[in-house]
Amino acid sequence: MIYLWFIAAAITEIAGCFVVWAWVRLDKSALWLMPGLASLAFFAWVLTRAESDIAGRTYAAYGGIYIAASMIWMWLVEGNRPDRWDLTGFAICLIGSATILLPQRG
């Protein structure tokens, strides 16, 4: 279940950041900022839904998912297919995320 929250967080964070990118770098209207800010606020709330007692560990594990989602965004939204180095980094990040998140600690 935690990975579903991470995926939702990644989508909302990337979307929110992308609208700022579009406003600054692609000359889009400042009106783009309103849904972008709402998306970023929703991202922050969604990330708190991840079941973990330690925020730092949650954020670290989420980082791997964010990187993976960024590669998917680059491919599907921006039309730039990941190369072998992107895919290698993608795999390393997912392994790192699972290594942080999945062990039972006691």
PDB file of N, CA and C in Angstrom:
ATOM      1  N   MET A   1       0.819  -1.205   0.000  1.00  0.00           N
ATOM      2  CA  MET A   1       0.000   0.000   0.000  1.00  0.00           C
ATOM      3  C   MET A   1       0.861   1.267   0.000  1.00  0.00           C
ATOM      4  N   ILE A   2       1.998   1.203   0.681  1.00  0.00           N
ATOM      5  CA  ILE A   2       2.845   2.395   0.766  1.00  0.00           C
ATOM      6  C   ILE A   2       3.316   2.840  -0.616  1.00  0.00           C
ATOM      7  N   TYR A   3       3.565   1.874  -1.503  1.00  0.00           N
ATOM      8  CA  TYR A   3       4.020   2.249  -2.839  1.00  0.00           C
ATOM      9  C   TYR A   3       2.930   2.954  -3.629  1.00  0.00           C
ATOM     10  N   LEU A   4       1.671   2.648  -3.363  1.00  0.00           N
ATOM     11  CA  LEU A   4       0.585   3.385  -4.024  1.00  0.00           C
ATOM     12  C   LEU A   4       0.581   4.850  -3.586  1.00  0.00           C
ATOM     13  N   TRP A   5       0.811   5.082  -2.290  1.00  0.00           N
ATOM     14  CA  TRP A   5       0.906   6.465  -1.812  1.00  0.00           C
ATOM     15  C   TRP A   5       2.109   7.154  -2.439  1.00  0.00           C
ATOM     16  N   PHE A   6       3.229   6.441  -2.552  1.00  0.00           N
ATOM     17  CA  PHE A   6       4.420   7.025  -3.168  1.00  0.00           C
ATOM     18  C   PHE A   6       4.174   7.371  -4.636  1.00  0.00           C
ATOM     19  N   ILE A   7       3.481   6.517  -5.347  1.00  0.00           N
ATOM     20  CA  ILE A   7       3.183   6.792  -6.756  1.00  0.00           C
ATOM     21  C   ILE A   7       2.280   8.024  -6.864  1.00  0.00           C
ATOM     22  N   ALA A   8       1.267   8.089  -6.019  1.00  0.00           N
ATOM     23  CA  ALA A   8       0.389   9.275  -6.018  1.00  0.00           C
ATOM     24  C   ALA A   8       1.183  10.528  -5.674  1.00  0.00           C
ATOM     25  N   ALA A   9       2.079  10.420  -4.697  1.00  0.00           N
ATOM     26  CA  ALA A   9       2.907  11.571  -4.319  1.00  0.00           C
ATOM     27  C   ALA A   9       3.802  11.995  -5.480  1.00  0.00           C
ATOM     28  N   ALA A  10       4.387  11.025  -6.153  1.00  0.00           N
ATOM     29  CA  ALA A  10       5.285  11.351  -7.267  1.00  0.00           C
ATOM     30  C   ALA A  10       4.539  12.058  -8.395  1.00  0.00           C
ATOM     31  N   ILE A  11       3.372  11.562  -8.730  1.00  0.00           N
ATOM     32  CA  ILE A  11       2.592  12.184  -9.809  1.00  0.00           C
ATOM     33  C   ILE A  11       2.238  13.624  -9.441  1.00  0.00           C
ATOM     34  N   THR A  12       1.774  13.842  -8.214  1.00  0.00           N
ATOM     35  CA  THR A  12       1.374  15.195  -7.832  1.00  0.00           C
ATOM     36  C   THR A  12       2.580  16.125  -7.691  1.00  0.00           C
ATOM     37  N   GLU A  13       3.704  15.602  -7.213  1.00  0.00           N
ATOM     38  CA  GLU A  13       4.892  16.447  -7.090  1.00  0.00           C
ATOM     39  C   GLU A  13       5.447  16.820  -8.458  1.00  0.00           C
ATOM     40  N   ILE A  14       5.580  15.843  -9.335  1.00  0.00           N
ATOM     41  CA  ILE A  14       6.120  16.117 -10.662  1.00  0.00           C
ATOM     42  C   ILE A  14       5.202  17.056 -11.436  1.00  0.00           C
ATOM     43  N   ALA A  15       3.901  16.832 -11.352  1.00  0.00           N
ATOM     44  CA  ALA A  15       2.959  17.713 -12.050  1.00  0.00           C
ATOM     45  C   ALA A  15       3.073  19.142 -11.526  1.00  0.00           C
ATOM     46  N   GLY A  16       3.137  19.290 -10.205  1.00  0.00           N
ATOM     47  CA  GLY A  16       3.260  20.630  -9.620  1.00  0.00           C
ATOM     48  C   GLY A  16       4.548  21.320 -10.016  1.00  0.00           C
ATOM     49  N   CYS A  17       5.628  20.582  -9.986  1.00  0.00           N
ATOM     50  CA  CYS A  17       6.923  21.164 -10.379  1.00  0.00           C
ATOM     51  C   CYS A  17       6.965  21.463 -11.874  1.00  0.00           C
ATOM     52  N   PHE A  18       6.336  20.605 -12.668  1.00  0.00           N
ATOM     53  CA  PHE A  18       6.350  20.819 -14.116  1.00  0.00           C
ATOM     54  C   PHE A  18       5.636  22.108 -14.505  1.00  0.00           C
ATOM     55  N   VAL A  19       4.545  22.448 -13.828  1.00  0.00           N
ATOM     56  CA  VAL A  19       3.855  23.686 -14.198  1.00  0.00           C
ATOM     57  C   VAL A  19       4.718  24.909 -13.893  1.00  0.00           C
ATOM     58  N   VAL A  20       5.514  24.845 -12.825  1.00  0.00           N
ATOM     59  CA  VAL A  20       6.451  25.945 -12.560  1.00  0.00           C
ATOM     60  C   VAL A  20       7.506  25.979 -13.661  1.00  0.00           C
ATOM     61  N   TRP A  21       8.019  24.814 -14.036  1.00  0.00           N
ATOM     62  CA  TRP A  21       8.976  24.710 -15.155  1.00  0.00           C
ATOM     63  C   TRP A  21       8.363  25.318 -16.419  1.00  0.00           C
ATOM     64  N   ALA A  22       7.105  24.941 -16.711  1.00  0.00           N
ATOM     65  CA  ALA A  22       6.438  25.443 -17.915  1.00  0.00           C
ATOM     66  C   ALA A  22       6.265  26.957 -17.862  1.00  0.00           C
ATOM     67  N   TRP A  23       5.949  27.481 -16.691  1.00  0.00           N
ATOM     68  CA  TRP A  23       5.782  28.933 -16.549  1.00  0.00           C
ATOM     69  C   TRP A  23       7.110  29.656 -16.771  1.00  0.00           C
ATOM     70  N   VAL A  24       8.167  29.161 -16.148  1.00  0.00           N
ATOM     71  CA  VAL A  24       9.466  29.841 -16.223  1.00  0.00           C
ATOM     72  C   VAL A  24      10.187  29.561 -17.542  1.00  0.00           C
ATOM     73  N   ARG A  25      10.241  28.314 -17.957  1.00  0.00           N
ATOM     74  CA  ARG A  25      11.081  27.922 -19.088  1.00  0.00           C
ATOM     75  C   ARG A  25      10.360  27.841 -20.425  1.00  0.00           C
ATOM     76  N   LEU A  26       9.037  27.655 -20.381  1.00  0.00           N
ATOM     77  CA  LEU A  26       8.277  27.498 -21.625  1.00  0.00           C
ATOM     78  C   LEU A  26       7.327  28.662 -21.876  1.00  0.00           C
ATOM     79  N   ASP A  27       7.459  29.729 -21.075  1.00  0.00           N
ATOM     80  CA  ASP A  27       6.642  30.936 -21.241  1.00  0.00           C
ATOM     81  C   ASP A  27       5.138  30.708 -21.154  1.00  0.00           C
ATOM     82  N   LYS A  28       4.724  29.793 -20.291  1.00  0.00           N
ATOM     83  CA  LYS A  28       3.300  29.588 -20.071  1.00  0.00           C
ATOM     84  C   LYS A  28       2.770  30.673 -19.141  1.00  0.00           C
ATOM     85  N   SER A  29       1.475  30.837 -19.126  1.00  0.00           N
ATOM     86  CA  SER A  29       0.821  31.846 -18.300  1.00  0.00           C
ATOM     87  C   SER A  29       1.063  31.592 -16.812  1.00  0.00           C
ATOM     88  N   ALA A  30       1.119  32.672 -16.048  1.00  0.00           N
ATOM     89  CA  ALA A  30       1.249  32.558 -14.590  1.00  0.00           C
ATOM     90  C   ALA A  30       0.026  31.868 -13.983  1.00  0.00           C
ATOM     91  N   LEU A  31      -1.062  31.801 -14.715  1.00  0.00           N
ATOM     92  CA  LEU A  31      -2.248  31.080 -14.232  1.00  0.00           C
ATOM     93  C   LEU A  31      -1.954  29.596 -14.037  1.00  0.00           C
ATOM     94  N   TRP A  32      -0.923  29.090 -14.700  1.00  0.00           N
ATOM     95  CA  TRP A  32      -0.517  27.693 -14.523  1.00  0.00           C
ATOM     96  C   TRP A  32      -0.080  27.442 -13.080  1.00  0.00           C
ATOM     97  N   LEU A  33       0.319  28.492 -12.381  1.00  0.00           N
ATOM     98  CA  LEU A  33       0.828  28.311 -11.026  1.00  0.00           C
ATOM     99  C   LEU A  33      -0.257  27.872 -10.040  1.00  0.00           C
ATOM    100  N   MET A  34      -1.488  28.264 -10.273  1.00  0.00           N
ATOM    101  CA  MET A  34      -2.555  27.908  -9.322  1.00  0.00           C
ATOM    102  C   MET A  34      -2.738  26.394  -9.218  1.00  0.00           C
ATOM    103  N   PRO A  35      -2.945  25.683 -10.314  1.00  0.00           N
ATOM    104  CA  PRO A  35      -3.061  24.224 -10.162  1.00  0.00           C
ATOM    105  C   PRO A  35      -1.741  23.592  -9.728  1.00  0.00           C
ATOM    106  N   GLY A  36      -0.625  24.203 -10.096  1.00  0.00           N
ATOM    107  CA  GLY A  36       0.673  23.687  -9.679  1.00  0.00           C
ATOM    108  C   GLY A  36       0.863  23.748  -8.176  1.00  0.00           C
ATOM    109  N   LEU A  37       0.496  24.867  -7.578  1.00  0.00           N
ATOM    110  CA  LEU A  37       0.604  25.003  -6.122  1.00  0.00           C
ATOM    111  C   LEU A  37      -0.363  24.063  -5.408  1.00  0.00           C
ATOM    112  N   ALA A  38      -1.550  23.907  -5.958  1.00  0.00           N
ATOM    113  CA  ALA A  38      -2.508  22.959  -5.371  1.00  0.00           C
ATOM    114  C   ALA A  38      -1.963  21.534  -5.456  1.00  0.00           C
ATOM    115  N   SER A  39      -1.349  21.206  -6.569  1.00  0.00           N
ATOM    116  CA  SER A  39      -0.772  19.887  -6.738  1.00  0.00           C
ATOM    117  C   SER A  39       0.354  19.639  -5.739  1.00  0.00           C
ATOM    118  N   LEU A  40       1.191  20.645  -5.516  1.00  0.00           N
ATOM    119  CA  LEU A  40       2.293  20.494  -4.559  1.00  0.00           C
ATOM    120  C   LEU A  40       1.775  20.378  -3.124  1.00  0.00           C
ATOM    121  N   ALA A  41       0.727  21.106  -2.797  1.00  0.00           N
ATOM    122  CA  ALA A  41       0.137  20.977  -1.464  1.00  0.00           C
ATOM    123  C   ALA A  41      -0.464  19.584  -1.282  1.00  0.00           C
ATOM    124  N   PHE A  42      -1.127  19.090  -2.312  1.00  0.00           N
ATOM    125  CA  PHE A  42      -1.699  17.754  -2.242  1.00  0.00           C
ATOM    126  C   PHE A  42      -0.593  16.705  -2.122  1.00  0.00           C
ATOM    127  N   PHE A  43       0.508  16.915  -2.831  1.00  0.00           N
ATOM    128  CA  PHE A  43       1.679  16.020  -2.725  1.00  0.00           C
ATOM    129  C   PHE A  43       2.125  15.905  -1.270  1.00  0.00           C
ATOM    130  N   ALA A  44       2.268  17.036  -0.589  1.00  0.00           N
ATOM    131  CA  ALA A  44       2.741  17.019   0.794  1.00  0.00           C
ATOM    132  C   ALA A  44       1.780  16.236   1.686  1.00  0.00           C
ATOM    133  N   TRP A  45       0.495  16.410   1.471  1.00  0.00           N
ATOM    134  CA  TRP A  45      -0.486  15.676   2.254  1.00  0.00           C
ATOM    135  C   TRP A  45      -0.421  14.177   1.942  1.00  0.00           C
ATOM    136  N   VAL A  46      -0.343  13.825   0.654  1.00  0.00           N
ATOM    137  CA  VAL A  46      -0.299  12.416   0.248  1.00  0.00           C
ATOM    138  C   VAL A  46       0.902  11.712   0.869  1.00  0.00           C
ATOM    139  N   LEU A  47       2.033  12.372   0.907  1.00  0.00           N
ATOM    140  CA  LEU A  47       3.235  11.738   1.455  1.00  0.00           C
ATOM    141  C   LEU A  47       3.071  11.418   2.937  1.00  0.00           C
ATOM    142  N   THR A  48       2.247  12.166   3.636  1.00  0.00           N
ATOM    143  CA  THR A  48       2.026  11.851   5.050  1.00  0.00           C
ATOM    144  C   THR A  48       1.158  10.607   5.230  1.00  0.00           C
ATOM    145  N   ARG A  49       0.525  10.144   4.204  1.00  0.00           N
ATOM    146  CA  ARG A  49      -0.321   8.948   4.270  1.00  0.00           C
ATOM    147  C   ARG A  49       0.515   7.664   4.265  1.00  0.00           C
ATOM    148  N   ALA A  50       1.761   7.756   3.850  1.00  0.00           N
ATOM    149  CA  ALA A  50       2.636   6.579   3.826  1.00  0.00           C
ATOM    150  C   ALA A  50       2.868   6.103   5.254  1.00  0.00           C
ATOM    151  N   GLU A  51       2.660   4.822   5.478  1.00  0.00           N
ATOM    152  CA  GLU A  51       2.776   4.263   6.819  1.00  0.00           C
ATOM    153  C   GLU A  51       4.236   4.087   7.216  1.00  0.00           C
ATOM    154  N   SER A  52       4.690   4.984   8.054  1.00  0.00           N
ATOM    155  CA  SER A  52       6.047   4.918   8.581  1.00  0.00           C
ATOM    156  C   SER A  52       6.100   5.809   9.817  1.00  0.00           C
ATOM    157  N   ASP A  53       6.861   5.378  10.798  1.00  0.00           N
ATOM    158  CA  ASP A  53       6.987   6.169  12.024  1.00  0.00           C
ATOM    159  C   ASP A  53       8.073   7.228  11.918  1.00  0.00           C
ATOM    160  N   ILE A  54       8.899   7.137  10.894  1.00  0.00           N
ATOM    161  CA  ILE A  54      10.043   8.035  10.766  1.00  0.00           C
ATOM    162  C   ILE A  54       9.959   8.774   9.431  1.00  0.00           C
ATOM    163  N   ALA A  55       9.776  10.074   9.481  1.00  0.00           N
ATOM    164  CA  ALA A  55       9.608  10.877   8.265  1.00  0.00           C
ATOM    165  C   ALA A  55      10.823  10.768   7.348  1.00  0.00           C
ATOM    166  N   GLY A  56      12.019  10.863   7.904  1.00  0.00           N
ATOM    167  CA  GLY A  56      13.229  10.819   7.073  1.00  0.00           C
ATOM    168  C   GLY A  56      13.353   9.541   6.278  1.00  0.00           C
ATOM    169  N   ARG A  57      13.013   8.417   6.908  1.00  0.00           N
ATOM    170  CA  ARG A  57      13.072   7.141   6.192  1.00  0.00           C
ATOM    171  C   ARG A  57      12.025   7.104   5.086  1.00  0.00           C
ATOM    172  N   THR A  58      10.857   7.632   5.379  1.00  0.00           N
ATOM    173  CA  THR A  58       9.807   7.696   4.363  1.00  0.00           C
ATOM    174  C   THR A  58      10.258   8.541   3.183  1.00  0.00           C
ATOM    175  N   TYR A  59      10.822   9.705   3.454  1.00  0.00           N
ATOM    176  CA  TYR A  59      11.262  10.591   2.376  1.00  0.00           C
ATOM    177  C   TYR A  59      12.390   9.963   1.571  1.00  0.00           C
ATOM    178  N   ALA A  60      13.297   9.272   2.240  1.00  0.00           N
ATOM    179  CA  ALA A  60      14.413   8.624   1.540  1.00  0.00           C
ATOM    180  C   ALA A  60      13.896   7.520   0.620  1.00  0.00           C
ATOM    181  N   ALA A  61      12.993   6.695   1.127  1.00  0.00           N
ATOM    182  CA  ALA A  61      12.432   5.629   0.301  1.00  0.00           C
ATOM    183  C   ALA A  61      11.617   6.211  -0.851  1.00  0.00           C
ATOM    184  N   TYR A  62      10.883   7.280  -0.579  1.00  0.00           N
ATOM    185  CA  TYR A  62      10.102   7.937  -1.627  1.00  0.00           C
ATOM    186  C   TYR A  62      10.997   8.491  -2.737  1.00  0.00           C
ATOM    187  N   GLY A  63      12.192   8.924  -2.374  1.00  0.00           N
ATOM    188  CA  GLY A  63      13.117   9.484  -3.369  1.00  0.00           C
ATOM    189  C   GLY A  63      13.356   8.552  -4.540  1.00  0.00           C
ATOM    190  N   GLY A  64      13.480   7.271  -4.272  1.00  0.00           N
ATOM    191  CA  GLY A  64      13.670   6.300  -5.355  1.00  0.00           C
ATOM    192  C   GLY A  64      12.467   6.239  -6.270  1.00  0.00           C
ATOM    193  N   ILE A  65      11.291   6.297  -5.683  1.00  0.00           N
ATOM    194  CA  ILE A  65      10.060   6.277  -6.477  1.00  0.00           C
ATOM    195  C   ILE A  65       9.944   7.560  -7.296  1.00  0.00           C
ATOM    196  N   TYR A  66      10.317   8.679  -6.692  1.00  0.00           N
ATOM    197  CA  TYR A  66      10.277   9.965  -7.406  1.00  0.00           C
ATOM    198  C   TYR A  66      11.180   9.926  -8.638  1.00  0.00           C
ATOM    199  N   ILE A  67      12.368   9.396  -8.480  1.00  0.00           N
ATOM    200  CA  ILE A  67      13.294   9.326  -9.609  1.00  0.00           C
ATOM    201  C   ILE A  67      12.726   8.433 -10.709  1.00  0.00           C
ATOM    202  N   ALA A  68      12.189   7.291 -10.335  1.00  0.00           N
ATOM    203  CA  ALA A  68      11.587   6.397 -11.315  1.00  0.00           C
ATOM    204  C   ALA A  68      10.417   7.086 -12.029  1.00  0.00           C
ATOM    205  N   ALA A  69       9.564   7.759 -11.269  1.00  0.00           N
ATOM    206  CA  ALA A  69       8.424   8.461 -11.863  1.00  0.00           C
ATOM    207  C   ALA A  69       8.881   9.592 -12.779  1.00  0.00           C
ATOM    208  N   SER A  70       9.982  10.242 -12.432  1.00  0.00           N
ATOM    209  CA  SER A  70      10.523  11.303 -13.283  1.00  0.00           C
ATOM    210  C   SER A  70      10.969  10.758 -14.631  1.00  0.00           C
ATOM    211  N   MET A  71      11.550   9.576 -14.628  1.00  0.00           N
ATOM    212  CA  MET A  71      11.957   8.945 -15.894  1.00  0.00           C
ATOM    213  C   MET A  71      10.732   8.611 -16.751  1.00  0.00           C
ATOM    214  N   ILE A  72       9.694   8.117 -16.105  1.00  0.00           N
ATOM    215  CA  ILE A  72       8.458   7.804 -16.829  1.00  0.00           C
ATOM    216  C   ILE A  72       7.828   9.083 -17.366  1.00  0.00           C
ATOM    217  N   TRP A  73       7.813  10.152 -16.568  1.00  0.00           N
ATOM    218  CA  TRP A  73       7.282  11.445 -17.009  1.00  0.00           C
ATOM    219  C   TRP A  73       8.071  11.946 -18.224  1.00  0.00           C
ATOM    220  N   MET A  74       9.398  11.855 -18.134  1.00  0.00           N
ATOM    221  CA  MET A  74      10.256  12.297 -19.239  1.00  0.00           C
ATOM    222  C   MET A  74       9.865  11.588 -20.533  1.00  0.00           C
ATOM    223  N   TRP A  75       9.571  10.313 -20.424  1.00  0.00           N
ATOM    224  CA  TRP A  75       9.245   9.515 -21.595  1.00  0.00           C
ATOM    225  C   TRP A  75       7.829   9.789 -22.094  1.00  0.00           C
ATOM    226  N   LEU A  76       6.830   9.701 -21.199  1.00  0.00           N
ATOM    227  CA  LEU A  76       5.440   9.782 -21.628  1.00  0.00           C
ATOM    228  C   LEU A  76       4.951  11.203 -21.880  1.00  0.00           C
ATOM    229  N   VAL A  77       5.389  12.160 -21.060  1.00  0.00           N
ATOM    230  CA  VAL A  77       4.888  13.533 -21.189  1.00  0.00           C
ATOM    231  C   VAL A  77       5.788  14.377 -22.079  1.00  0.00           C
ATOM    232  N   GLU A  78       7.109  14.244 -21.886  1.00  0.00           N
ATOM    233  CA  GLU A  78       8.037  15.083 -22.633  1.00  0.00           C
ATOM    234  C   GLU A  78       8.540  14.430 -23.920  1.00  0.00           C
ATOM    235  N   GLY A  79       8.220  13.156 -24.108  1.00  0.00           N
ATOM    236  CA  GLY A  79       8.569  12.477 -25.348  1.00  0.00           C
ATOM    237  C   GLY A  79      10.046  12.161 -25.516  1.00  0.00           C
ATOM    238  N   ASN A  80      10.789  12.076 -24.425  1.00  0.00           N
ATOM    239  CA  ASN A  80      12.219  11.764 -24.477  1.00  0.00           C
ATOM    240  C   ASN A  80      12.427  10.396 -23.853  1.00  0.00           C
ATOM    241  N   ARG A  81      12.701   9.402 -24.682  1.00  0.00           N
ATOM    242  CA  ARG A  81      12.833   8.024 -24.213  1.00  0.00           C
ATOM    243  C   ARG A  81      14.094   7.851 -23.376  1.00  0.00           C
ATOM    244  N   PRO A  82      13.968   7.211 -22.196  1.00  0.00           N
ATOM    245  CA  PRO A  82      15.146   6.973 -21.356  1.00  0.00           C
ATOM    246  C   PRO A  82      16.173   6.084 -22.074  1.00  0.00           C
ATOM    247  N   ASP A  83      17.450   6.400 -21.872  1.00  0.00           N
ATOM    248  CA  ASP A  83      18.501   5.561 -22.451  1.00  0.00           C
ATOM    249  C   ASP A  83      18.936   4.508 -21.434  1.00  0.00           C
ATOM    250  N   ARG A  84      19.943   3.729 -21.769  1.00  0.00           N
ATOM    251  CA  ARG A  84      20.352   2.636 -20.877  1.00  0.00           C
ATOM    252  C   ARG A  84      20.856   3.148 -19.535  1.00  0.00           C
ATOM    253  N   TRP A  85      21.470   4.330 -19.523  1.00  0.00           N
ATOM    254  CA  TRP A  85      21.958   4.892 -18.266  1.00  0.00           C
ATOM    255  C   TRP A  85      20.803   5.355 -17.391  1.00  0.00           C
ATOM    256  N   ASP A  86      19.784   5.935 -18.023  1.00  0.00           N
ATOM    257  CA  ASP A  86      18.583   6.306 -17.286  1.00  0.00           C
ATOM    258  C   ASP A  86      17.943   5.065 -16.661  1.00  0.00           C
ATOM    259  N   LEU A  87      17.824   4.003 -17.448  1.00  0.00           N
ATOM    260  CA  LEU A  87      17.190   2.780 -16.966  1.00  0.00           C
ATOM    261  C   LEU A  87      18.012   2.110 -15.870  1.00  0.00           C
ATOM    262  N   THR A  88      19.336   2.181 -15.982  1.00  0.00           N
ATOM    263  CA  THR A  88      20.201   1.626 -14.935  1.00  0.00           C
ATOM    264  C   THR A  88      20.002   2.399 -13.637  1.00  0.00           C
ATOM    265  N   GLY A  89      20.002   3.717 -13.712  1.00  0.00           N
ATOM    266  CA  GLY A  89      19.765   4.542 -12.528  1.00  0.00           C
ATOM    267  C   GLY A  89      18.386   4.300 -11.945  1.00  0.00           C
ATOM    268  N   PHE A  90      17.400   4.155 -12.810  1.00  0.00           N
ATOM    269  CA  PHE A  90      16.024   3.855 -12.418  1.00  0.00           C
ATOM    270  C   PHE A  90      15.994   2.576 -11.573  1.00  0.00           C
ATOM    271  N   ALA A  91      16.650   1.535 -12.057  1.00  0.00           N
ATOM    272  CA  ALA A  91      16.678   0.247 -11.339  1.00  0.00           C
ATOM    273  C   ALA A  91      17.402   0.369  -9.993  1.00  0.00           C
ATOM    274  N   ILE A  92      18.525   1.057  -9.992  1.00  0.00           N
ATOM    275  CA  ILE A  92      19.281   1.244  -8.747  1.00  0.00           C
ATOM    276  C   ILE A  92      18.426   1.978  -7.709  1.00  0.00           C
ATOM    277  N   CYS A  93      17.713   2.999  -8.143  1.00  0.00           N
ATOM    278  CA  CYS A  93      16.871   3.769  -7.224  1.00  0.00           C
ATOM    279  C   CYS A  93      15.747   2.928  -6.640  1.00  0.00           C
ATOM    280  N   LEU A  94      15.118   2.099  -7.468  1.00  0.00           N
ATOM    281  CA  LEU A  94      14.049   1.245  -6.952  1.00  0.00           C
ATOM    282  C   LEU A  94      14.594   0.220  -5.969  1.00  0.00           C
ATOM    283  N   ILE A  95      15.768  -0.314  -6.248  1.00  0.00           N
ATOM    284  CA  ILE A  95      16.398  -1.243  -5.310  1.00  0.00           C
ATOM    285  C   ILE A  95      16.729  -0.521  -4.008  1.00  0.00           C
ATOM    286  N   GLY A  96      17.258   0.685  -4.106  1.00  0.00           N
ATOM    287  CA  GLY A  96      17.565   1.463  -2.909  1.00  0.00           C
ATOM    288  C   GLY A  96      16.324   1.776  -2.095  1.00  0.00           C
ATOM    289  N   SER A  97      15.250   2.147  -2.767  1.00  0.00           N
ATOM    290  CA  SER A  97      13.998   2.439  -2.083  1.00  0.00           C
ATOM    291  C   SER A  97      13.487   1.210  -1.340  1.00  0.00           C
ATOM    292  N   ALA A  98      13.500   0.070  -1.999  1.00  0.00           N
ATOM    293  CA  ALA A  98      13.041  -1.159  -1.363  1.00  0.00           C
ATOM    294  C   ALA A  98      13.955  -1.542  -0.194  1.00  0.00           C
ATOM    295  N   THR A  99      15.265  -1.326  -0.340  1.00  0.00           N
ATOM    296  CA  THR A  99      16.207  -1.654   0.725  1.00  0.00           C
ATOM    297  C   THR A  99      15.941  -0.827   1.983  1.00  0.00           C
ATOM    298  N   ILE A 100      15.573   0.428   1.803  1.00  0.00           N
ATOM    299  CA  ILE A 100      15.266   1.307   2.942  1.00  0.00           C
ATOM    300  C   ILE A 100      13.923   0.940   3.568  1.00  0.00           C
ATOM    301  N   LEU A 101      12.964   0.647   2.736  1.00  0.00           N
ATOM    302  CA  LEU A 101      11.584   0.559   3.201  1.00  0.00           C
ATOM    303  C   LEU A 101      11.146  -0.820   3.675  1.00  0.00           C
ATOM    304  N   LEU A 102      11.574  -1.875   3.020  1.00  0.00           N
ATOM    305  CA  LEU A 102      10.966  -3.180   3.244  1.00  0.00           C
ATOM    306  C   LEU A 102      11.461  -3.983   4.451  1.00  0.00           C
ATOM    307  N   PRO A 103      12.703  -3.821   4.908  1.00  0.00           N
ATOM    308  CA  PRO A 103      13.109  -4.654   6.051  1.00  0.00           C
ATOM    309  C   PRO A 103      12.262  -4.368   7.301  1.00  0.00           C
ATOM    310  N   GLN A 104      11.995  -5.416   8.030  1.00  0.00           N
ATOM    311  CA  GLN A 104      11.305  -5.263   9.307  1.00  0.00           C
ATOM    312  C   GLN A 104      12.333  -4.803  10.342  1.00  0.00           C
ATOM    313  N   ARG A 105      12.017  -3.765  11.029  1.00  0.00           N
ATOM    314  CA  ARG A 105      12.928  -3.251  12.064  1.00  0.00           C
ATOM    315  C   ARG A 105      12.280  -3.461  13.406  1.00  0.00           C
ATOM    316  N   GLY A 106      13.073  -3.729  14.401  1.00  0.00           N
ATOM    317  CA  GLY A 106      12.473  -3.964  15.699  1.00  0.00           C
ATOM    318  C   GLY A 106      13.295  -3.490  16.774  1.00  0.00           C
TER     319      GLY A 106
END
